[in-house]
Amino acid sequence: MVTTLALATAGCSDGSRATTDQPARVVAVGDIACGADALQRGPVCRYAAVADAVIDENPALFLALGDIQYPTPSGRVEFGYYDASFGSLLDATLPTPGDEDWGVDRDAYLRYFGGRTTESGYDASAIAGWHVVVLNSRDCFDDDGCREGSDQYEWLRDVLANPPEGTDGCTLAIWHDPRFLWAKWWQKDGVPRGPQERVAPFWELLDAADADVTLHGNAHHYERWTPMSASGEANSDGITEFVVGTGGKSLNALGPQPRPANLAAAQDAEFGALVLDLRPGSLAYRWRGIDPVGSFIDSGTIDCH
C-alpha cells in the first residue's frame, strides 16, 4: 500500500497550518509508553511529557519508531496507556513495529493502528517531496530474515525503484532496530558488538538507491551519525542515521569509550523527540527535549543526494 499525505496538512512552528511553500513538520520518537500510567517526574514513564512536546510541534506527520506500547506486568499490550497521551495524533501517525509491541501482541498493534499501518507492518508514503518508507525490522529476526528473496526485501527493492508520484529524489526510512548503535547494553562478553547485521539488507538497498535518512528507536537515548555507506564508512553521499528512543519508557546509557568516530551527536540524559521540517530537496532537523531549552541542543540541515 502506498499513501500520499498532502502537504496542505503540514503544521507550522507557530501552530498555523502550512501552505504549499512551507515545510512539512514531522516529529519522530520511539520507545514510548510504559504498561502503566504516566508519571510526571523520575527516570521512567515520562511519555505524557513527551506527548505534550510532540503535540506542541503541531506535526503533519508523527513517526512512532517502535516499542510504542510496552506490556503491562501481566504481559498484555494495552494501547490505552499510549492512547491517553498520543491518541490525538493517531490520524497523523505512521508507526513501525518493535519487539515490545508487535513482538508481544501483533493483533493488539494492528487493532490500535488500523488504517495507519498494514498487515505486514511495512508501507510507503509521500510528503513534501519526500518518499517516507516504513519497514518492519521484526521480520529480520524471523528464521527467513529480511534478506534478498524475502517478501519485505523484494517489496523494498520495488518501492525504491518506483517511488510514489510527487517525490523529489529524497528518501527517509524508518524501522525499530538500528543498523549502527552505541549503547552500553549493545555488547557481548564485555566487547561492543558491531553493526546490526540482521537489518543490513535494508541499509544496502537504501544506500544503493541514494536514500538520505533513517530513523530508529530501540536504544533509549539519542544518537545522530554522520552520513555512512552500507559498510559503515563515512561517506558524504551516504545515509544519515538517527536513533531516537527517548519517548518516555526509560533512558539507557551510551556505550563505552572510545566513542565511534562517525557518531556526530549523542545524549542519554533527556527525554524528547526529533523534529524534522521537510522541503523538496532538503530537511532541517532539531532535537526537542521535555526539559528547558539549552539542556541539549542538536540541529542542522541535510540536503538530498
C-alpha atoms as a PDB file:
ATOM      1  CA  MET A   1       0.000   0.000   0.000  1.00  0.00           C
ATOM      2  CA  VAL A   2       1.271   3.495  -0.855  1.00  0.00           C
ATOM      3  CA  THR A   3      -0.296   6.514   0.807  1.00  0.00           C
ATOM      4  CA  THR A   4       0.162  10.124  -0.267  1.00  0.00           C
ATOM      5  CA  LEU A   5      -0.018  12.681   2.537  1.00  0.00           C
ATOM      6  CA  ALA A   6      -0.958  16.137   1.339  1.00  0.00           C
ATOM      7  CA  LEU A   7       1.416  18.976   2.159  1.00  0.00           C
ATOM      8  CA  ALA A   8      -1.581  21.146   2.871  1.00  0.00           C
ATOM      9  CA  THR A   9      -1.938  19.392   6.255  1.00  0.00           C
ATOM     10  CA  ALA A  10       1.572  20.278   7.386  1.00  0.00           C
ATOM     11  CA  GLY A  11       1.987  22.026  10.703  1.00  0.00           C
ATOM     12  CA  CYS A  12       3.936  25.236  11.202  1.00  0.00           C
ATOM     13  CA  SER A  13       6.048  26.233  14.172  1.00  0.00           C
ATOM     14  CA  ASP A  14       3.568  28.959  15.111  1.00  0.00           C
ATOM     15  CA  GLY A  15       0.684  26.492  15.266  1.00  0.00           C
ATOM     16  CA  SER A  16      -0.924  27.541  11.985  1.00  0.00           C
ATOM     17  CA  ARG A  17      -1.434  25.196   9.057  1.00  0.00           C
ATOM     18  CA  ALA A  18       1.118  25.076   6.267  1.00  0.00           C
ATOM     19  CA  THR A  19       0.670  26.192   2.698  1.00  0.00           C
ATOM     20  CA  THR A  20       2.446  24.660  -0.257  1.00  0.00           C
ATOM     21  CA  ASP A  21       5.560  26.865   0.089  1.00  0.00           C
ATOM     22  CA  GLN A  22       6.104  25.959   3.753  1.00  0.00           C
ATOM     23  CA  PRO A  23       7.888  22.865   5.080  1.00  0.00           C
ATOM     24  CA  ALA A  24       6.045  19.820   6.347  1.00  0.00           C
ATOM     25  CA  ARG A  25       6.617  19.370  10.074  1.00  0.00           C
ATOM     26  CA  VAL A  26       7.425  15.760  11.013  1.00  0.00           C
ATOM     27  CA  VAL A  27       8.170  14.551  14.557  1.00  0.00           C
ATOM     28  CA  ALA A  28       9.691  11.165  15.369  1.00  0.00           C
ATOM     29  CA  VAL A  29      10.360   9.152  18.532  1.00  0.00           C
ATOM     30  CA  GLY A  30      10.139   5.572  19.766  1.00  0.00           C
ATOM     31  CA  ASP A  31      10.213   3.518  22.983  1.00  0.00           C
ATOM     32  CA  ILE A  32       7.271   5.355  24.376  1.00  0.00           C
ATOM     33  CA  ALA A  33       4.517   4.207  26.724  1.00  0.00           C
ATOM     34  CA  CYS A  34       5.038   2.115  29.840  1.00  0.00           C
ATOM     35  CA  GLY A  35       2.464  -0.528  30.668  1.00  0.00           C
ATOM     36  CA  ALA A  36       1.402   1.814  33.438  1.00  0.00           C
ATOM     37  CA  ASP A  37       0.038   5.309  33.929  1.00  0.00           C
ATOM     38  CA  ALA A  38       2.454   8.090  33.036  1.00  0.00           C
ATOM     39  CA  LEU A  39       4.421   9.719  35.812  1.00  0.00           C
ATOM     40  CA  GLN A  40       5.385  13.378  35.740  1.00  0.00           C
ATOM     41  CA  ARG A  41       8.852  13.056  37.230  1.00  0.00           C
ATOM     42  CA  GLY A  42      11.609  10.499  37.626  1.00  0.00           C
ATOM     43  CA  PRO A  43      13.640   8.403  35.182  1.00  0.00           C
ATOM     44  CA  VAL A  44      10.774   6.307  33.747  1.00  0.00           C
ATOM     45  CA  CYS A  45       7.268   6.653  32.324  1.00  0.00           C
ATOM     46  CA  ARG A  46       7.666  10.215  31.062  1.00  0.00           C
ATOM     47  CA  TYR A  47       5.675   9.559  27.905  1.00  0.00           C
ATOM     48  CA  ALA A  48       2.928  12.064  28.780  1.00  0.00           C
ATOM     49  CA  ALA A  49       5.510  14.860  28.889  1.00  0.00           C
ATOM     50  CA  VAL A  50       6.983  13.692  25.576  1.00  0.00           C
ATOM     51  CA  ALA A  51       3.480  13.670  24.080  1.00  0.00           C
ATOM     52  CA  ASP A  52       2.986  17.275  25.198  1.00  0.00           C
ATOM     53  CA  ALA A  53       6.204  18.275  23.426  1.00  0.00           C
ATOM     54  CA  VAL A  54       5.272  16.390  20.251  1.00  0.00           C
ATOM     55  CA  ILE A  55       1.760  17.840  20.137  1.00  0.00           C
ATOM     56  CA  ASP A  56       3.170  21.320  20.749  1.00  0.00           C
ATOM     57  CA  GLU A  57       5.126  20.958  17.483  1.00  0.00           C
ATOM     58  CA  ASN A  58       1.816  20.513  15.578  1.00  0.00           C
ATOM     59  CA  PRO A  59       3.166  17.823  13.264  1.00  0.00           C
ATOM     60  CA  ALA A  60       1.700  16.958   9.889  1.00  0.00           C
ATOM     61  CA  LEU A  61       3.195  13.509  10.410  1.00  0.00           C
ATOM     62  CA  PHE A  62       4.197  11.659  13.567  1.00  0.00           C
ATOM     63  CA  LEU A  63       6.626   8.759  13.104  1.00  0.00           C
ATOM     64  CA  ALA A  64       6.346   6.291  16.008  1.00  0.00           C
ATOM     65  CA  LEU A  65       9.616   4.321  15.970  1.00  0.00           C
ATOM     66  CA  GLY A  66       8.600   1.035  17.570  1.00  0.00           C
ATOM     67  CA  ASP A  67       8.105  -0.198  21.145  1.00  0.00           C
ATOM     68  CA  ILE A  68       5.255   2.268  21.096  1.00  0.00           C
ATOM     69  CA  GLN A  69       3.393   0.486  23.888  1.00  0.00           C
ATOM     70  CA  TYR A  70       5.172  -1.747  26.415  1.00  0.00           C
ATOM     71  CA  PRO A  71       3.381  -4.687  28.036  1.00  0.00           C
ATOM     72  CA  THR A  72       1.805  -4.450  31.449  1.00  0.00           C
ATOM     73  CA  PRO A  73       3.287  -6.562  34.261  1.00  0.00           C
ATOM     74  CA  SER A  74       0.742  -9.249  33.298  1.00  0.00           C
ATOM     75  CA  GLY A  75       2.201  -9.353  29.776  1.00  0.00           C
ATOM     76  CA  ARG A  76      -0.698  -7.649  27.982  1.00  0.00           C
ATOM     77  CA  VAL A  77      -0.102  -4.926  25.399  1.00  0.00           C
ATOM     78  CA  GLU A  78      -2.783  -2.354  26.235  1.00  0.00           C
ATOM     79  CA  PHE A  79      -2.613   0.656  23.934  1.00  0.00           C
ATOM     80  CA  GLY A  80      -4.909   2.615  26.221  1.00  0.00           C
ATOM     81  CA  TYR A  81      -1.876   3.956  28.093  1.00  0.00           C
ATOM     82  CA  TYR A  82      -0.325   5.251  24.864  1.00  0.00           C
ATOM     83  CA  ASP A  83      -3.671   6.495  23.567  1.00  0.00           C
ATOM     84  CA  ALA A  84      -4.305   8.606  26.654  1.00  0.00           C
ATOM     85  CA  SER A  85      -1.334  10.811  25.735  1.00  0.00           C
ATOM     86  CA  PHE A  86      -0.783  10.333  21.986  1.00  0.00           C
ATOM     87  CA  GLY A  87      -4.296   9.476  20.796  1.00  0.00           C
ATOM     88  CA  SER A  88      -4.920  12.912  19.293  1.00  0.00           C
ATOM     89  CA  LEU A  89      -2.060  12.212  16.859  1.00  0.00           C
ATOM     90  CA  LEU A  90      -3.449   8.922  15.559  1.00  0.00           C
ATOM     91  CA  ASP A  91      -4.653  10.259  12.200  1.00  0.00           C
ATOM     92  CA  ALA A  92      -1.192  11.735  11.553  1.00  0.00           C
ATOM     93  CA  THR A  93       0.781   8.703  12.765  1.00  0.00           C
ATOM     94  CA  LEU A  94       2.886   6.245  10.795  1.00  0.00           C
ATOM     95  CA  PRO A  95       4.106   3.513  13.178  1.00  0.00           C
ATOM     96  CA  THR A  96       6.858   0.954  12.780  1.00  0.00           C
ATOM     97  CA  PRO A  97       6.750  -2.270  14.847  1.00  0.00           C
ATOM     98  CA  GLY A  98       9.014  -3.071  17.781  1.00  0.00           C
ATOM     99  CA  ASP A  99       9.762  -6.174  19.814  1.00  0.00           C
ATOM    100  CA  GLU A 100       7.770  -4.950  22.831  1.00  0.00           C
ATOM    101  CA  ASP A 101       4.515  -4.217  20.967  1.00  0.00           C
ATOM    102  CA  TRP A 102       4.252  -6.167  17.692  1.00  0.00           C
ATOM    103  CA  GLY A 103       6.627  -8.808  19.018  1.00  0.00           C
ATOM    104  CA  VAL A 104       4.419  -9.455  22.049  1.00  0.00           C
ATOM    105  CA  ASP A 105       0.899  -8.914  20.629  1.00  0.00           C
ATOM    106  CA  ARG A 106       0.764  -8.237  16.891  1.00  0.00           C
ATOM    107  CA  ASP A 107      -3.039  -8.300  16.942  1.00  0.00           C
ATOM    108  CA  ALA A 108      -3.233  -5.542  19.558  1.00  0.00           C
ATOM    109  CA  TYR A 109      -0.849  -3.411  17.470  1.00  0.00           C
ATOM    110  CA  LEU A 110      -2.922  -3.899  14.317  1.00  0.00           C
ATOM    111  CA  ARG A 111      -6.207  -3.253  16.105  1.00  0.00           C
ATOM    112  CA  TYR A 112      -4.992   0.048  17.506  1.00  0.00           C
ATOM    113  CA  PHE A 113      -3.309   1.458  14.410  1.00  0.00           C
ATOM    114  CA  GLY A 114      -5.895   0.136  11.962  1.00  0.00           C
ATOM    115  CA  GLY A 115      -5.618   2.011   8.675  1.00  0.00           C
ATOM    116  CA  ARG A 116      -2.387   3.703   9.770  1.00  0.00           C
ATOM    117  CA  THR A 117      -0.397   0.518   9.079  1.00  0.00           C
ATOM    118  CA  THR A 118      -0.633  -2.704   7.072  1.00  0.00           C
ATOM    119  CA  GLU A 119      -0.906  -6.390   7.961  1.00  0.00           C
ATOM    120  CA  SER A 120       2.800  -6.724   7.103  1.00  0.00           C
ATOM    121  CA  GLY A 121       3.886  -3.695   9.148  1.00  0.00           C
ATOM    122  CA  TYR A 122       5.647  -2.022   6.212  1.00  0.00           C
ATOM    123  CA  ASP A 123       4.390   0.704   3.918  1.00  0.00           C
ATOM    124  CA  ALA A 124       5.387   3.803   1.931  1.00  0.00           C
ATOM    125  CA  SER A 125       4.138   7.394   1.832  1.00  0.00           C
ATOM    126  CA  ALA A 126       4.926  10.714   0.189  1.00  0.00           C
ATOM    127  CA  ILE A 127       5.009  14.118   1.835  1.00  0.00           C
ATOM    128  CA  ALA A 128       6.636  17.418   0.838  1.00  0.00           C
ATOM    129  CA  GLY A 129       8.591  15.814  -1.985  1.00  0.00           C
ATOM    130  CA  TRP A 130       9.951  13.076   0.320  1.00  0.00           C
ATOM    131  CA  HIS A 131       9.485   9.332  -0.011  1.00  0.00           C
ATOM    132  CA  VAL A 132       8.833   8.000   3.503  1.00  0.00           C
ATOM    133  CA  VAL A 133       9.410   4.243   3.778  1.00  0.00           C
ATOM    134  CA  VAL A 134       8.185   2.348   6.856  1.00  0.00           C
ATOM    135  CA  LEU A 135       9.931  -1.001   7.364  1.00  0.00           C
ATOM    136  CA  ASN A 136       9.341  -3.856   9.815  1.00  0.00           C
ATOM    137  CA  SER A 137      12.658  -4.923  11.346  1.00  0.00           C
ATOM    138  CA  ARG A 138      10.867  -7.602  13.392  1.00  0.00           C
ATOM    139  CA  ASP A 139      10.837  -9.645  10.162  1.00  0.00           C
ATOM    140  CA  CYS A 140      14.630  -9.622  10.187  1.00  0.00           C
ATOM    141  CA  PHE A 141      14.671 -11.713  13.369  1.00  0.00           C
ATOM    142  CA  ASP A 142      12.491 -14.477  11.924  1.00  0.00           C
ATOM    143  CA  ASP A 143      14.063 -17.655  10.530  1.00  0.00           C
ATOM    144  CA  ASP A 144      13.967 -16.384   6.930  1.00  0.00           C
ATOM    145  CA  GLY A 145      15.097 -12.854   7.867  1.00  0.00           C
ATOM    146  CA  CYS A 146      14.642  -9.884   5.548  1.00  0.00           C
ATOM    147  CA  ARG A 147      17.424 -10.705   3.096  1.00  0.00           C
ATOM    148  CA  GLU A 148      17.180 -10.970  -0.667  1.00  0.00           C
ATOM    149  CA  GLY A 149      14.278 -13.175  -1.689  1.00  0.00           C
ATOM    150  CA  SER A 150      12.141 -12.375   1.369  1.00  0.00           C
ATOM    151  CA  ASP A 151       8.820 -10.633   0.781  1.00  0.00           C
ATOM    152  CA  GLN A 152       9.875  -7.413   2.512  1.00  0.00           C
ATOM    153  CA  TYR A 153      13.235  -7.217   0.745  1.00  0.00           C
ATOM    154  CA  GLU A 154      11.640  -7.607  -2.673  1.00  0.00           C
ATOM    155  CA  TRP A 155       8.906  -5.109  -1.761  1.00  0.00           C
ATOM    156  CA  LEU A 156      11.529  -2.581  -0.665  1.00  0.00           C
ATOM    157  CA  ARG A 157      13.559  -3.051  -3.816  1.00  0.00           C
ATOM    158  CA  ASP A 158      10.441  -2.451  -5.912  1.00  0.00           C
ATOM    159  CA  VAL A 159       9.192   0.584  -3.977  1.00  0.00           C
ATOM    160  CA  LEU A 160      12.624   2.265  -4.115  1.00  0.00           C
ATOM    161  CA  ALA A 161      12.704   1.745  -7.867  1.00  0.00           C
ATOM    162  CA  ASN A 162       9.146   3.084  -8.222  1.00  0.00           C
ATOM    163  CA  PRO A 163       8.641   5.848  -5.635  1.00  0.00           C
ATOM    164  CA  PRO A 164       5.223   7.479  -5.190  1.00  0.00           C
ATOM    165  CA  GLU A 165       4.246  10.284  -7.511  1.00  0.00           C
ATOM    166  CA  GLY A 166       5.252  13.667  -6.126  1.00  0.00           C
ATOM    167  CA  THR A 167       8.545  12.662  -4.544  1.00  0.00           C
ATOM    168  CA  ASP A 168      11.635  14.656  -5.454  1.00  0.00           C
ATOM    169  CA  GLY A 169      14.549  12.245  -5.092  1.00  0.00           C
ATOM    170  CA  CYS A 170      14.522  12.424  -1.267  1.00  0.00           C
ATOM    171  CA  THR A 171      14.072   9.263   0.800  1.00  0.00           C
ATOM    172  CA  LEU A 172      13.592   8.798   4.545  1.00  0.00           C
ATOM    173  CA  ALA A 173      13.190   5.305   6.014  1.00  0.00           C
ATOM    174  CA  ILE A 174      12.148   4.206   9.499  1.00  0.00           C
ATOM    175  CA  TRP A 175      12.370   0.913  11.369  1.00  0.00           C
ATOM    176  CA  HIS A 176      12.899  -0.027  15.000  1.00  0.00           C
ATOM    177  CA  ASP A 177      16.302  -1.770  15.261  1.00  0.00           C
ATOM    178  CA  PRO A 178      19.218   0.485  14.214  1.00  0.00           C
ATOM    179  CA  ARG A 179      21.960  -0.653  11.876  1.00  0.00           C
ATOM    180  CA  PHE A 180      24.540   1.316  13.911  1.00  0.00           C
ATOM    181  CA  LEU A 181      24.305   1.745  17.664  1.00  0.00           C
ATOM    182  CA  TRP A 182      26.403   2.963  20.605  1.00  0.00           C
ATOM    183  CA  ALA A 183      24.713   1.674  23.761  1.00  0.00           C
ATOM    184  CA  LYS A 184      26.110   0.249  26.973  1.00  0.00           C
ATOM    185  CA  TRP A 185      23.932  -2.869  26.596  1.00  0.00           C
ATOM    186  CA  TRP A 186      24.970  -3.442  22.954  1.00  0.00           C
ATOM    187  CA  GLN A 187      27.827  -5.776  23.863  1.00  0.00           C
ATOM    188  CA  LYS A 188      28.642  -9.435  24.369  1.00  0.00           C
ATOM    189  CA  ASP A 189      31.108 -10.737  26.951  1.00  0.00           C
ATOM    190  CA  GLY A 190      32.223  -7.166  27.596  1.00  0.00           C
ATOM    191  CA  VAL A 191      33.031  -6.433  23.949  1.00  0.00           C
ATOM    192  CA  PRO A 192      30.919  -3.897  21.968  1.00  0.00           C
ATOM    193  CA  ARG A 193      29.042  -5.508  19.120  1.00  0.00           C
ATOM    194  CA  GLY A 194      29.444  -4.208  15.583  1.00  0.00           C
ATOM    195  CA  PRO A 195      26.612  -3.088  13.308  1.00  0.00           C
ATOM    196  CA  GLN A 196      23.314  -4.970  13.495  1.00  0.00           C
ATOM    197  CA  GLU A 197      23.710  -7.437  10.627  1.00  0.00           C
ATOM    198  CA  ARG A 198      20.081  -8.563  10.585  1.00  0.00           C
ATOM    199  CA  VAL A 199      18.954  -5.200   9.196  1.00  0.00           C
ATOM    200  CA  ALA A 200      21.911  -4.835   6.813  1.00  0.00           C
ATOM    201  CA  PRO A 201      19.771  -5.769   3.768  1.00  0.00           C
ATOM    202  CA  PHE A 202      17.597  -2.698   4.372  1.00  0.00           C
ATOM    203  CA  TRP A 203      20.601  -0.387   4.545  1.00  0.00           C
ATOM    204  CA  GLU A 204      22.231  -1.923   1.469  1.00  0.00           C
ATOM    205  CA  LEU A 205      19.132  -1.399  -0.675  1.00  0.00           C
ATOM    206  CA  LEU A 206      18.580   2.117   0.653  1.00  0.00           C
ATOM    207  CA  ASP A 207      22.230   3.071   0.143  1.00  0.00           C
ATOM    208  CA  ALA A 208      22.172   1.769  -3.426  1.00  0.00           C
ATOM    209  CA  ALA A 209      19.056   3.875  -4.047  1.00  0.00           C
ATOM    210  CA  ASP A 210      20.731   7.047  -2.660  1.00  0.00           C
ATOM    211  CA  ALA A 211      18.422   7.270   0.348  1.00  0.00           C
ATOM    212  CA  ASP A 212      19.149  10.141   2.703  1.00  0.00           C
ATOM    213  CA  VAL A 213      17.984   9.496   6.284  1.00  0.00           C
ATOM    214  CA  THR A 214      16.970   6.592   8.539  1.00  0.00           C
ATOM    215  CA  LEU A 215      15.233   6.861  11.912  1.00  0.00           C
ATOM    216  CA  HIS A 216      15.155   4.207  14.656  1.00  0.00           C
ATOM    217  CA  GLY A 217      14.385   3.522  18.304  1.00  0.00           C
ATOM    218  CA  ASN A 218      15.380   0.509  20.437  1.00  0.00           C
ATOM    219  CA  ALA A 219      18.146   2.257  22.441  1.00  0.00           C
ATOM    220  CA  HIS A 220      16.567   4.651  24.934  1.00  0.00           C
ATOM    221  CA  HIS A 221      18.719   7.640  24.137  1.00  0.00           C
ATOM    222  CA  TYR A 222      19.540   9.915  21.187  1.00  0.00           C
ATOM    223  CA  GLU A 223      22.207   9.413  18.541  1.00  0.00           C
ATOM    224  CA  ARG A 224      22.977  11.148  15.241  1.00  0.00           C
ATOM    225  CA  TRP A 225      25.569   9.592  12.938  1.00  0.00           C
ATOM    226  CA  THR A 226      27.435  11.242  10.089  1.00  0.00           C
ATOM    227  CA  PRO A 227      26.465  10.009   6.599  1.00  0.00           C
ATOM    228  CA  MET A 228      27.723   6.454   6.102  1.00  0.00           C
ATOM    229  CA  SER A 229      27.874   3.786   3.437  1.00  0.00           C
ATOM    230  CA  ALA A 230      26.336   0.345   3.865  1.00  0.00           C
ATOM    231  CA  SER A 231      29.591  -0.882   5.413  1.00  0.00           C
ATOM    232  CA  GLY A 232      29.680   1.928   7.982  1.00  0.00           C
ATOM    233  CA  GLU A 233      32.358   4.058   6.343  1.00  0.00           C
ATOM    234  CA  ALA A 234      31.968   7.832   6.409  1.00  0.00           C
ATOM    235  CA  ASN A 235      30.659   8.957   3.041  1.00  0.00           C
ATOM    236  CA  SER A 236      29.141  12.327   2.205  1.00  0.00           C
ATOM    237  CA  ASP A 237      26.768  10.543  -0.191  1.00  0.00           C
ATOM    238  CA  GLY A 238      25.752   8.016   2.463  1.00  0.00           C
ATOM    239  CA  ILE A 239      22.794   7.792   4.820  1.00  0.00           C
ATOM    240  CA  THR A 240      22.417   9.857   8.000  1.00  0.00           C
ATOM    241  CA  GLU A 241      21.104   7.671  10.843  1.00  0.00           C
ATOM    242  CA  PHE A 242      19.220   8.924  13.890  1.00  0.00           C
ATOM    243  CA  VAL A 243      18.392   6.815  16.958  1.00  0.00           C
ATOM    244  CA  VAL A 244      15.528   8.427  18.880  1.00  0.00           C
ATOM    245  CA  GLY A 245      14.436   6.024  21.617  1.00  0.00           C
ATOM    246  CA  THR A 246      13.624   8.828  24.029  1.00  0.00           C
ATOM    247  CA  GLY A 247       9.827   8.556  24.059  1.00  0.00           C
ATOM    248  CA  GLY A 248       9.411   8.161  27.812  1.00  0.00           C
ATOM    249  CA  LYS A 249       9.791   4.500  28.835  1.00  0.00           C
ATOM    250  CA  SER A 250      13.269   4.930  30.345  1.00  0.00           C
ATOM    251  CA  LEU A 251      16.772   6.095  29.457  1.00  0.00           C
ATOM    252  CA  ASN A 252      19.746   3.857  28.526  1.00  0.00           C
ATOM    253  CA  ALA A 253      23.403   4.744  28.982  1.00  0.00           C
ATOM    254  CA  LEU A 254      25.527   5.447  25.928  1.00  0.00           C
ATOM    255  CA  GLY A 255      28.271   2.986  25.048  1.00  0.00           C
ATOM    256  CA  PRO A 256      31.815   2.661  26.380  1.00  0.00           C
ATOM    257  CA  GLN A 257      34.813   4.604  25.165  1.00  0.00           C
ATOM    258  CA  PRO A 258      36.171   5.021  22.617  1.00  0.00           C
ATOM    259  CA  ARG A 259      33.224   6.797  21.083  1.00  0.00           C
ATOM    260  CA  PRO A 260      32.646   5.744  17.455  1.00  0.00           C
ATOM    261  CA  ALA A 261      34.336   8.117  15.038  1.00  0.00           C
ATOM    262  CA  ASN A 262      31.180   8.544  12.946  1.00  0.00           C
ATOM    263  CA  LEU A 263      28.880   9.363  15.865  1.00  0.00           C
ATOM    264  CA  ALA A 264      28.233  13.091  15.480  1.00  0.00           C
ATOM    265  CA  ALA A 265      25.945  13.749  18.472  1.00  0.00           C
ATOM    266  CA  ALA A 266      24.544  11.739  21.368  1.00  0.00           C
ATOM    267  CA  GLN A 267      22.881  12.158  24.763  1.00  0.00           C
ATOM    268  CA  ASP A 268      21.410   9.800  27.360  1.00  0.00           C
ATOM    269  CA  ALA A 269      20.061  12.227  29.963  1.00  0.00           C
ATOM    270  CA  GLU A 270      16.916  13.722  28.420  1.00  0.00           C
ATOM    271  CA  PHE A 271      13.595  12.512  27.033  1.00  0.00           C
ATOM    272  CA  GLY A 272      12.280  14.179  23.901  1.00  0.00           C
ATOM    273  CA  ALA A 273      11.782  13.807  20.155  1.00  0.00           C
ATOM    274  CA  LEU A 274      13.336  14.652  16.797  1.00  0.00           C
ATOM    275  CA  VAL A 275      11.676  17.423  14.807  1.00  0.00           C
ATOM    276  CA  LEU A 276      12.107  17.484  11.031  1.00  0.00           C
ATOM    277  CA  ASP A 277      10.996  20.178   8.607  1.00  0.00           C
ATOM    278  CA  LEU A 278      10.777  18.595   5.160  1.00  0.00           C
ATOM    279  CA  ARG A 279      11.041  20.527   1.911  1.00  0.00           C
ATOM    280  CA  PRO A 280      11.616  19.259  -1.610  1.00  0.00           C
ATOM    281  CA  GLY A 281      15.377  18.695  -1.780  1.00  0.00           C
ATOM    282  CA  SER A 282      16.271  19.041   1.908  1.00  0.00           C
ATOM    283  CA  LEU A 283      15.258  18.818   5.543  1.00  0.00           C
ATOM    284  CA  ALA A 284      16.097  20.657   8.735  1.00  0.00           C
ATOM    285  CA  TYR A 285      16.408  18.638  11.960  1.00  0.00           C
ATOM    286  CA  ARG A 286      16.183  19.728  15.591  1.00  0.00           C
ATOM    287  CA  TRP A 287      16.178  17.953  18.948  1.00  0.00           C
ATOM    288  CA  ARG A 288      13.147  18.866  21.092  1.00  0.00           C
ATOM    289  CA  GLY A 289      13.558  17.888  24.728  1.00  0.00           C
ATOM    290  CA  ILE A 290      10.987  17.949  27.501  1.00  0.00           C
ATOM    291  CA  ASP A 291      13.401  19.846  29.754  1.00  0.00           C
ATOM    292  CA  PRO A 292      14.155  23.559  29.357  1.00  0.00           C
ATOM    293  CA  VAL A 293      15.711  24.589  26.079  1.00  0.00           C
ATOM    294  CA  GLY A 294      19.503  24.518  26.256  1.00  0.00           C
ATOM    295  CA  SER A 295      19.973  21.336  28.260  1.00  0.00           C
ATOM    296  CA  PHE A 296      20.827  19.528  24.998  1.00  0.00           C
ATOM    297  CA  ILE A 297      20.949  21.023  21.520  1.00  0.00           C
ATOM    298  CA  ASP A 298      21.381  19.329  18.155  1.00  0.00           C
ATOM    299  CA  SER A 299      20.206  20.862  14.899  1.00  0.00           C
ATOM    300  CA  GLY A 300      21.204  21.215  11.273  1.00  0.00           C
ATOM    301  CA  THR A 301      20.176  20.588   7.679  1.00  0.00           C
ATOM    302  CA  ILE A 302      20.526  17.667   5.288  1.00  0.00           C
ATOM    303  CA  ASP A 303      20.415  18.048   1.513  1.00  0.00           C
ATOM    304  CA  CYS A 304      19.110  15.192  -0.589  1.00  0.00           C
ATOM    305  CA  HIS A 305      21.530  13.337  -2.841  1.00  0.00           C
END
